[in-house]
Every structure is written in structure tokens, then in C-alpha cells.
């Protein structure tokens, strides 16, 4: 299997921080339409999917902070990718 195919399928977790008073329902629906599983958090939502879904939904590489899509700006303060966990020490 090619390395890029493997990396496209790598699991990603994205934290969606809602604005004060932001409505999680339309944000959850948007995320689900973009192939993410969604779970509630105290500050917002946790969206899980693969690297390809992150690129398709946000138009960015799945790392660091992601741009907030225009249709979510009224409810979303910040979107960031949770760094992947390393099972073994690097180096």
C-alpha cells in the first residue's frame, strides 16, 4: 500500500470550540454531513474522521488550527486538530 493512501485513512480528532451561546446542533449536522462522527464536549464538540475528511471539509492539512468555515462562524470560535498520540518514543 502506498504511504499516502495510509496517511489519508489515518484517524484524526478535531476539537470544535463553540462561541459563548453557540448552538451545537447545526455544527454537529455540518460535521456529520462531512463524514465525521461527533461527540459532545464541555466546550464544544469532538469530531473524529480521517485525514481525507479533514482536508475535504476544511480545505487544510489536518494539523494545528483549522479555518472556521463561513457557515459555522456564528457558532464556532476555534477548530483545532488534536495531535496524534505516539505509541513509541521518537528518536
PDB file of N, CA and C in Angstrom:
ATOM      1  N   UNK A   1       0.845  -1.172   0.000  1.00  0.00           N
ATOM      2  CA  UNK A   1       0.000   0.000   0.000  1.00  0.00           C
ATOM      3  C   UNK A   1       0.892   1.239   0.000  1.00  0.00           C
ATOM      4  N   UNK A   2       0.491   2.235  -0.747  1.00  0.00           N
ATOM      5  CA  UNK A   2       1.261   3.483  -0.807  1.00  0.00           C
ATOM      6  C   UNK A   2       1.125   4.250   0.501  1.00  0.00           C
ATOM      7  N   UNK A   3       2.206   4.950   0.878  1.00  0.00           N
ATOM      8  CA  UNK A   3       2.205   5.722   2.123  1.00  0.00           C
ATOM      9  C   UNK A   3       1.100   6.765   2.137  1.00  0.00           C
ATOM     10  N   UNK A   4       0.857   7.453   1.014  1.00  0.00           N
ATOM     11  CA  UNK A   4      -0.167   8.493   1.002  1.00  0.00           C
ATOM     12  C   UNK A   4      -1.551   7.912   1.228  1.00  0.00           C
ATOM     13  N   UNK A   5      -1.789   6.697   0.757  1.00  0.00           N
ATOM     14  CA  UNK A   5      -3.091   6.066   0.981  1.00  0.00           C
ATOM     15  C   UNK A   5      -3.271   5.763   2.463  1.00  0.00           C
ATOM     16  N   UNK A   6      -2.210   5.321   3.107  1.00  0.00           N
ATOM     17  CA  UNK A   6      -2.274   5.045   4.534  1.00  0.00           C
ATOM     18  C   UNK A   6      -2.517   6.326   5.311  1.00  0.00           C
ATOM     19  N   UNK A   7      -1.818   7.403   4.968  1.00  0.00           N
ATOM     20  CA  UNK A   7      -1.966   8.656   5.704  1.00  0.00           C
ATOM     21  C   UNK A   7      -3.342   9.274   5.496  1.00  0.00           C
ATOM     22  N   UNK A   8      -3.964   9.062   4.329  1.00  0.00           N
ATOM     23  CA  UNK A   8      -5.307   9.585   4.076  1.00  0.00           C
ATOM     24  C   UNK A   8      -6.326   8.959   5.023  1.00  0.00           C
ATOM     25  N   UNK A   9      -6.095   7.723   5.405  1.00  0.00           N
ATOM     26  CA  UNK A   9      -7.048   6.996   6.244  1.00  0.00           C
ATOM     27  C   UNK A   9      -6.728   7.114   7.732  1.00  0.00           C
ATOM     28  N   UNK A  10      -5.666   7.810   8.074  1.00  0.00           N
ATOM     29  CA  UNK A  10      -5.297   7.924   9.483  1.00  0.00           C
ATOM     30  C   UNK A  10      -6.397   8.649  10.257  1.00  0.00           C
ATOM     31  N   UNK A  11      -6.709   8.120  11.403  1.00  0.00           N
ATOM     32  CA  UNK A  11      -7.717   8.671  12.295  1.00  0.00           C
ATOM     33  C   UNK A  11      -7.295  10.061  12.778  1.00  0.00           C
ATOM     34  N   UNK A  12      -8.214  10.993  12.756  1.00  0.00           N
ATOM     35  CA  UNK A  12      -7.958  12.345  13.247  1.00  0.00           C
ATOM     36  C   UNK A  12      -9.062  12.749  14.213  1.00  0.00           C
ATOM     37  N   UNK A  13      -8.673  13.498  15.223  1.00  0.00           N
ATOM     38  CA  UNK A  13      -9.635  14.078  16.168  1.00  0.00           C
ATOM     39  C   UNK A  13      -9.542  15.590  16.057  1.00  0.00           C
ATOM     40  N   UNK A  14     -10.700  16.220  15.946  1.00  0.00           N
ATOM     41  CA  UNK A  14     -10.781  17.659  15.783  1.00  0.00           C
ATOM     42  C   UNK A  14     -11.668  18.213  16.888  1.00  0.00           C
ATOM     43  N   UNK A  15     -11.147  19.184  17.649  1.00  0.00           N
ATOM     44  CA  UNK A  15     -11.926  19.833  18.694  1.00  0.00           C
ATOM     45  C   UNK A  15     -12.545  21.102  18.107  1.00  0.00           C
ATOM     46  N   UNK A  16     -13.861  21.223  18.248  1.00  0.00           N
ATOM     47  CA  UNK A  16     -14.592  22.384  17.771  1.00  0.00           C
ATOM     48  C   UNK A  16     -15.075  23.148  18.995  1.00  0.00           C
ATOM     49  N   UNK A  17     -14.449  24.286  19.250  1.00  0.00           N
ATOM     50  CA  UNK A  17     -14.815  25.115  20.408  1.00  0.00           C
ATOM     51  C   UNK A  17     -15.919  26.079  19.984  1.00  0.00           C
ATOM     52  N   UNK A  18     -17.043  26.005  20.687  1.00  0.00           N
ATOM     53  CA  UNK A  18     -18.180  26.868  20.366  1.00  0.00           C
ATOM     54  C   UNK A  18     -18.009  28.253  20.974  1.00  0.00           C
ATOM     55  N   UNK A  19     -18.595  29.249  20.328  1.00  0.00           N
ATOM     56  CA  UNK A  19     -18.649  30.605  20.887  1.00  0.00           C
ATOM     57  C   UNK A  19     -19.607  30.579  22.082  1.00  0.00           C
ATOM     58  N   UNK A  20     -19.475  31.520  23.009  1.00  0.00           N
ATOM     59  CA  UNK A  20     -20.472  31.596  24.089  1.00  0.00           C
ATOM     60  C   UNK A  20     -21.872  31.732  23.467  1.00  0.00           C
ATOM     61  N   UNK A  21     -22.770  30.860  23.859  1.00  0.00           N
ATOM     62  CA  UNK A  21     -24.130  30.865  23.313  1.00  0.00           C
ATOM     63  C   UNK A  21     -24.246  30.180  21.960  1.00  0.00           C
ATOM     64  N   UNK A  22     -23.140  29.614  21.440  1.00  0.00           N
ATOM     65  CA  UNK A  22     -23.177  28.929  20.147  1.00  0.00           C
ATOM     66  C   UNK A  22     -24.042  27.681  20.206  1.00  0.00           C
ATOM     67  N   UNK A  23     -24.715  27.395  19.114  1.00  0.00           N
ATOM     68  CA  UNK A  23     -25.625  26.252  19.037  1.00  0.00           C
ATOM     69  C   UNK A  23     -24.886  25.042  18.463  1.00  0.00           C
ATOM     70  N   UNK A  24     -24.760  23.965  19.236  1.00  0.00           N
ATOM     71  CA  UNK A  24     -24.029  22.800  18.736  1.00  0.00           C
ATOM     72  C   UNK A  24     -24.780  22.000  17.661  1.00  0.00           C
ATOM     73  N   UNK A  25     -26.093  22.125  17.577  1.00  0.00           N
ATOM     74  CA  UNK A  25     -26.873  21.290  16.645  1.00  0.00           C
ATOM     75  C   UNK A  25     -26.519  21.530  15.180  1.00  0.00           C
ATOM     76  N   UNK A  26     -26.528  22.777  14.691  1.00  0.00           N
ATOM     77  CA  UNK A  26     -26.166  22.949  13.279  1.00  0.00           C
ATOM     78  C   UNK A  26     -24.706  22.587  12.995  1.00  0.00           C
ATOM     79  N   UNK A  27     -23.850  22.799  13.974  1.00  0.00           N
ATOM     80  CA  UNK A  27     -22.437  22.455  13.811  1.00  0.00           C
ATOM     81  C   UNK A  27     -22.288  20.935  13.724  1.00  0.00           C
ATOM     82  N   UNK A  28     -22.974  20.210  14.594  1.00  0.00           N
ATOM     83  CA  UNK A  28     -22.952  18.740  14.559  1.00  0.00           C
ATOM     84  C   UNK A  28     -23.449  18.224  13.217  1.00  0.00           C
ATOM     85  N   UNK A  29     -24.539  18.793  12.732  1.00  0.00           N
ATOM     86  CA  UNK A  29     -25.089  18.375  11.445  1.00  0.00           C
ATOM     87  C   UNK A  29     -24.104  18.602  10.311  1.00  0.00           C
ATOM     88  N   UNK A  30     -23.440  19.751  10.312  1.00  0.00           N
ATOM     89  CA  UNK A  30     -22.454  20.068   9.280  1.00  0.00           C
ATOM     90  C   UNK A  30     -21.313  19.057   9.323  1.00  0.00           C
ATOM     91  N   UNK A  31     -20.828  18.775  10.520  1.00  0.00           N
ATOM     92  CA  UNK A  31     -19.723  17.826  10.668  1.00  0.00           C
ATOM     93  C   UNK A  31     -20.129  16.433  10.184  1.00  0.00           C
ATOM     94  N   UNK A  32     -21.327  16.002  10.538  1.00  0.00           N
ATOM     95  CA  UNK A  32     -21.790  14.675  10.101  1.00  0.00           C
ATOM     96  C   UNK A  32     -21.928  14.605   8.584  1.00  0.00           C
ATOM     97  N   UNK A  33     -22.405  15.684   7.972  1.00  0.00           N
ATOM     98  CA  UNK A  33     -22.518  15.721   6.505  1.00  0.00           C
ATOM     99  C   UNK A  33     -21.146  15.649   5.837  1.00  0.00           C
ATOM    100  N   UNK A  34     -20.099  15.990   6.591  1.00  0.00           N
ATOM    101  CA  UNK A  34     -18.732  15.942   6.062  1.00  0.00           C
ATOM    102  C   UNK A  34     -17.977  14.697   6.571  1.00  0.00           C
ATOM    103  N   UNK A  35     -18.721  13.660   6.909  1.00  0.00           N
ATOM    104  CA  UNK A  35     -18.162  12.338   7.243  1.00  0.00           C
ATOM    105  C   UNK A  35     -17.409  12.265   8.568  1.00  0.00           C
ATOM    106  N   UNK A  36     -17.834  13.050   9.547  1.00  0.00           N
ATOM    107  CA  UNK A  36     -17.254  12.969  10.883  1.00  0.00           C
ATOM    108  C   UNK A  36     -18.258  12.333  11.840  1.00  0.00           C
ATOM    109  N   UNK A  37     -17.738  11.606  12.820  1.00  0.00           N
ATOM    110  CA  UNK A  37     -18.533  11.193  13.969  1.00  0.00           C
ATOM    111  C   UNK A  37     -18.390  12.324  14.985  1.00  0.00           C
ATOM    112  N   UNK A  38     -19.453  12.626  15.716  1.00  0.00           N
ATOM    113  CA  UNK A  38     -19.447  13.789  16.603  1.00  0.00           C
ATOM    114  C   UNK A  38     -19.837  13.383  18.022  1.00  0.00           C
ATOM    115  N   UNK A  39     -19.077  13.893  19.001  1.00  0.00           N
ATOM    116  CA  UNK A  39     -19.366  13.671  20.420  1.00  0.00           C
ATOM    117  C   UNK A  39     -19.335  15.017  21.136  1.00  0.00           C
ATOM    118  N   UNK A  40     -20.205  15.209  22.120  1.00  0.00           N
ATOM    119  CA  UNK A  40     -20.200  16.473  22.858  1.00  0.00           C
ATOM    120  C   UNK A  40     -19.005  16.565  23.810  1.00  0.00           C
ATOM    121  N   UNK A  41     -18.534  17.780  23.990  1.00  0.00           N
ATOM    122  CA  UNK A  41     -17.506  18.121  24.979  1.00  0.00           C
ATOM    123  C   UNK A  41     -18.041  19.275  25.828  1.00  0.00           C
ATOM    124  N   UNK A  42     -17.395  19.565  26.919  1.00  0.00           N
ATOM    125  CA  UNK A  42     -17.815  20.687  27.769  1.00  0.00           C
ATOM    126  C   UNK A  42     -17.752  22.001  26.987  1.00  0.00           C
ATOM    127  N   UNK A  43     -16.699  22.205  26.196  1.00  0.00           N
ATOM    128  CA  UNK A  43     -16.500  23.466  25.481  1.00  0.00           C
ATOM    129  C   UNK A  43     -17.022  23.443  24.052  1.00  0.00           C
ATOM    130  N   UNK A  44     -17.507  22.290  23.586  1.00  0.00           N
ATOM    131  CA  UNK A  44     -17.966  22.216  22.205  1.00  0.00           C
ATOM    132  C   UNK A  44     -18.180  20.795  21.752  1.00  0.00           C
ATOM    133  N   UNK A  45     -17.440  20.406  20.708  1.00  0.00           N
ATOM    134  CA  UNK A  45     -17.640  19.092  20.088  1.00  0.00           C
ATOM    135  C   UNK A  45     -16.307  18.450  19.743  1.00  0.00           C
ATOM    136  N   UNK A  46     -16.292  17.134  19.760  1.00  0.00           N
ATOM    137  CA  UNK A  46     -15.158  16.374  19.267  1.00  0.00           C
ATOM    138  C   UNK A  46     -15.619  15.680  17.990  1.00  0.00           C
ATOM    139  N   UNK A  47     -14.939  15.970  16.888  1.00  0.00           N
ATOM    140  CA  UNK A  47     -15.254  15.356  15.604  1.00  0.00           C
ATOM    141  C   UNK A  47     -14.129  14.392  15.262  1.00  0.00           C
ATOM    142  N   UNK A  48     -14.483  13.174  14.890  1.00  0.00           N
ATOM    143  CA  UNK A  48     -13.476  12.191  14.521  1.00  0.00           C
ATOM    144  C   UNK A  48     -13.736  11.714  13.097  1.00  0.00           C
ATOM    145  N   UNK A  49     -12.641  11.551  12.373  1.00  0.00           N
ATOM    146  CA  UNK A  49     -12.710  11.094  10.996  1.00  0.00           C
ATOM    147  C   UNK A  49     -11.306  10.812  10.512  1.00  0.00           C
ATOM    148  N   UNK A  50     -11.137  10.757   9.202  1.00  0.00           N
ATOM    149  CA  UNK A  50      -9.794  10.520   8.686  1.00  0.00           C
ATOM    150  C   UNK A  50      -9.223  11.804   8.077  1.00  0.00           C
ATOM    151  N   UNK A  51      -7.943  11.733   7.715  1.00  0.00           N
ATOM    152  CA  UNK A  51      -7.241  12.900   7.191  1.00  0.00           C
ATOM    153  C   UNK A  51      -7.919  13.441   5.934  1.00  0.00           C
ATOM    154  N   UNK A  52      -8.415  12.555   5.076  1.00  0.00           N
ATOM    155  CA  UNK A  52      -9.083  12.992   3.848  1.00  0.00           C
ATOM    156  C   UNK A  52     -10.347  13.791   4.170  1.00  0.00           C
ATOM    157  N   UNK A  53     -11.100  13.387   5.192  1.00  0.00           N
ATOM    158  CA  UNK A  53     -12.305  14.123   5.581  1.00  0.00           C
ATOM    159  C   UNK A  53     -11.952  15.517   6.089  1.00  0.00           C
ATOM    160  N   UNK A  54     -10.861  15.624   6.844  1.00  0.00           N
ATOM    161  CA  UNK A  54     -10.427  16.942   7.344  1.00  0.00           C
ATOM    162  C   UNK A  54     -10.079  17.845   6.161  1.00  0.00           C
ATOM    163  N   UNK A  55      -9.299  17.331   5.225  1.00  0.00           N
ATOM    164  CA  UNK A  55      -8.915  18.130   4.052  1.00  0.00           C
ATOM    165  C   UNK A  55     -10.139  18.560   3.256  1.00  0.00           C
ATOM    166  N   UNK A  56     -11.064  17.638   3.035  1.00  0.00           N
ATOM    167  CA  UNK A  56     -12.252  17.950   2.239  1.00  0.00           C
ATOM    168  C   UNK A  56     -13.142  18.979   2.927  1.00  0.00           C
ATOM    169  N   UNK A  57     -13.338  18.843   4.234  1.00  0.00           N
ATOM    170  CA  UNK A  57     -14.247  19.725   4.960  1.00  0.00           C
ATOM    171  C   UNK A  57     -13.662  21.110   5.202  1.00  0.00           C
ATOM    172  N   UNK A  58     -12.374  21.165   5.536  1.00  0.00           N
ATOM    173  CA  UNK A  58     -11.772  22.427   5.958  1.00  0.00           C
ATOM    174  C   UNK A  58     -10.792  23.019   4.946  1.00  0.00           C
ATOM    175  N   UNK A  59     -10.471  22.268   3.900  1.00  0.00           N
ATOM    176  CA  UNK A  59      -9.560  22.774   2.885  1.00  0.00           C
ATOM    177  C   UNK A  59      -8.164  23.031   3.413  1.00  0.00           C
ATOM    178  N   UNK A  60      -7.750  22.241   4.397  1.00  0.00           N
ATOM    179  CA  UNK A  60      -6.438  22.442   5.020  1.00  0.00           C
ATOM    180  C   UNK A  60      -5.872  21.104   5.457  1.00  0.00           C
ATOM    181  N   UNK A  61      -4.568  21.081   5.680  1.00  0.00           N
ATOM    182  CA  UNK A  61      -3.917  19.883   6.197  1.00  0.00           C
ATOM    183  C   UNK A  61      -4.415  19.614   7.618  1.00  0.00           C
ATOM    184  N   UNK A  62      -4.546  18.357   8.005  1.00  0.00           N
ATOM    185  CA  UNK A  62      -5.085  18.018   9.326  1.00  0.00           C
ATOM    186  C   UNK A  62      -4.060  18.174  10.448  1.00  0.00           C
ATOM    187  N   UNK A  63      -3.669  19.424  10.719  1.00  0.00           N
ATOM    188  CA  UNK A  63      -2.742  19.689  11.812  1.00  0.00           C
ATOM    189  C   UNK A  63      -2.953  21.115  12.308  1.00  0.00           C
ATOM    190  N   UNK A  64      -2.739  21.326  13.598  1.00  0.00           N
ATOM    191  CA  UNK A  64      -2.855  22.660  14.184  1.00  0.00           C
ATOM    192  C   UNK A  64      -4.264  23.197  14.143  1.00  0.00           C
ATOM    193  N   UNK A  65      -4.365  24.527  14.009  1.00  0.00           N
ATOM    194  CA  UNK A  65      -5.670  25.172  13.907  1.00  0.00           C
ATOM    195  C   UNK A  65      -6.167  25.083  12.474  1.00  0.00           C
ATOM    196  N   UNK A  66      -7.477  24.918  12.336  1.00  0.00           N
ATOM    197  CA  UNK A  66      -8.112  24.838  11.027  1.00  0.00           C
ATOM    198  C   UNK A  66      -8.970  26.078  10.811  1.00  0.00           C
ATOM    199  N   UNK A  67      -9.176  26.482   9.566  1.00  0.00           N
ATOM    200  CA  UNK A  67     -10.059  27.618   9.305  1.00  0.00           C
ATOM    201  C   UNK A  67     -11.507  27.257   9.645  1.00  0.00           C
ATOM    202  N   UNK A  68     -12.217  28.209  10.228  1.00  0.00           N
ATOM    203  CA  UNK A  68     -13.640  28.002  10.530  1.00  0.00           C
ATOM    204  C   UNK A  68     -14.432  28.303   9.256  1.00  0.00           C
ATOM    205  N   UNK A  69     -15.160  27.316   8.729  1.00  0.00           N
ATOM    206  CA  UNK A  69     -15.965  27.567   7.527  1.00  0.00           C
ATOM    207  C   UNK A  69     -16.986  28.681   7.780  1.00  0.00           C
ATOM    208  N   UNK A  70     -17.248  29.458   6.756  1.00  0.00           N
ATOM    209  CA  UNK A  70     -18.120  30.615   6.887  1.00  0.00           C
ATOM    210  C   UNK A  70     -19.479  30.270   7.500  1.00  0.00           C
ATOM    211  N   UNK A  71     -20.059  29.137   7.087  1.00  0.00           N
ATOM    212  CA  UNK A  71     -21.388  28.783   7.593  1.00  0.00           C
ATOM    213  C   UNK A  71     -21.396  28.410   9.077  1.00  0.00           C
ATOM    214  N   UNK A  72     -20.224  28.227   9.689  1.00  0.00           N
ATOM    215  CA  UNK A  72     -20.140  27.883  11.112  1.00  0.00           C
ATOM    216  C   UNK A  72     -19.666  29.041  11.983  1.00  0.00           C
ATOM    217  N   UNK A  73     -19.274  30.146  11.381  1.00  0.00           N
ATOM    218  CA  UNK A  73     -18.645  31.240  12.140  1.00  0.00           C
ATOM    219  C   UNK A  73     -19.536  31.838  13.218  1.00  0.00           C
ATOM    220  N   UNK A  74     -20.826  31.794  13.062  1.00  0.00           N
ATOM    221  CA  UNK A  74     -21.714  32.341  14.084  1.00  0.00           C
ATOM    222  C   UNK A  74     -21.723  31.517  15.363  1.00  0.00           C
ATOM    223  N   UNK A  75     -21.412  30.230  15.260  1.00  0.00           N
ATOM    224  CA  UNK A  75     -21.457  29.334  16.413  1.00  0.00           C
ATOM    225  C   UNK A  75     -20.089  28.853  16.883  1.00  0.00           C
ATOM    226  N   UNK A  76     -19.083  28.911  16.016  1.00  0.00           N
ATOM    227  CA  UNK A  76     -17.781  28.306  16.316  1.00  0.00           C
ATOM    228  C   UNK A  76     -16.713  29.367  16.545  1.00  0.00           C
ATOM    229  N   UNK A  77     -15.980  29.216  17.628  1.00  0.00           N
ATOM    230  CA  UNK A  77     -14.873  30.109  17.977  1.00  0.00           C
ATOM    231  C   UNK A  77     -13.554  29.631  17.358  1.00  0.00           C
ATOM    232  N   UNK A  78     -13.289  28.326  17.471  1.00  0.00           N
ATOM    233  CA  UNK A  78     -11.987  27.790  17.098  1.00  0.00           C
ATOM    234  C   UNK A  78     -12.117  26.313  16.735  1.00  0.00           C
ATOM    235  N   UNK A  79     -11.327  25.882  15.752  1.00  0.00           N
ATOM    236  CA  UNK A  79     -11.268  24.469  15.373  1.00  0.00           C
ATOM    237  C   UNK A  79      -9.801  24.073  15.353  1.00  0.00           C
ATOM    238  N   UNK A  80      -9.476  23.005  16.077  1.00  0.00           N
ATOM    239  CA  UNK A  80      -8.079  22.563  16.083  1.00  0.00           C
ATOM    240  C   UNK A  80      -7.994  21.041  16.090  1.00  0.00           C
ATOM    241  N   UNK A  81      -6.933  20.555  15.457  1.00  0.00           N
ATOM    242  CA  UNK A  81      -6.681  19.117  15.368  1.00  0.00           C
ATOM    243  C   UNK A  81      -5.922  18.684  16.613  1.00  0.00           C
ATOM    244  N   UNK A  82      -6.376  17.606  17.229  1.00  0.00           N
ATOM    245  CA  UNK A  82      -5.667  17.016  18.362  1.00  0.00           C
ATOM    246  C   UNK A  82      -4.458  16.275  17.787  1.00  0.00           C
ATOM    247  N   UNK A  83      -3.241  16.582  18.253  1.00  0.00           N
ATOM    248  CA  UNK A  83      -2.069  15.881  17.718  1.00  0.00           C
ATOM    249  C   UNK A  83      -2.199  14.371  17.929  1.00  0.00           C
ATOM    250  N   UNK A  84      -1.795  13.592  16.920  1.00  0.00           N
ATOM    251  CA  UNK A  84      -1.857  12.132  17.077  1.00  0.00           C
ATOM    252  C   UNK A  84      -0.973  11.672  18.232  1.00  0.00           C
ATOM    253  N   UNK A  85      -1.427  10.662  18.929  1.00  0.00           N
ATOM    254  CA  UNK A  85      -0.651  10.098  20.028  1.00  0.00           C
ATOM    255  C   UNK A  85       0.448   9.200  19.452  1.00  0.00           C
ATOM    256  N   UNK A  86       1.613   9.268  20.061  1.00  0.00           N
ATOM    257  CA  UNK A  86       2.708   8.393  19.645  1.00  0.00           C
ATOM    258  C   UNK A  86       2.754   7.189  20.570  1.00  0.00           C
ATOM    259  N   UNK A  87       2.766   6.018  19.981  1.00  0.00           N
ATOM    260  CA  UNK A  87       2.814   4.801  20.790  1.00  0.00           C
ATOM    261  C   UNK A  87       4.220   4.486  21.265  1.00  0.00           C
ATOM    262  N   UNK A  88       5.202   4.990  20.531  1.00  0.00           N
ATOM    263  CA  UNK A  88       6.600   4.725  20.885  1.00  0.00           C
ATOM    264  C   UNK A  88       7.346   6.045  20.900  1.00  0.00           C
ATOM    265  N   UNK A  89       8.319   6.188  21.782  1.00  0.00           N
ATOM    266  CA  UNK A  89       9.110   7.426  21.790  1.00  0.00           C
ATOM    267  C   UNK A  89       9.840   7.607  20.455  1.00  0.00           C
ATOM    268  N   UNK A  90       9.883   8.844  19.981  1.00  0.00           N
ATOM    269  CA  UNK A  90      10.599   9.112  18.733  1.00  0.00           C
ATOM    270  C   UNK A  90      12.084   9.250  19.019  1.00  0.00           C
ATOM    271  N   UNK A  91      12.864   9.009  17.982  1.00  0.00           N
ATOM    272  CA  UNK A  91      14.295   9.226  18.118  1.00  0.00           C
ATOM    273  C   UNK A  91      15.008   8.006  18.262  1.00  0.00           C
TER     274      UNK A  91
END
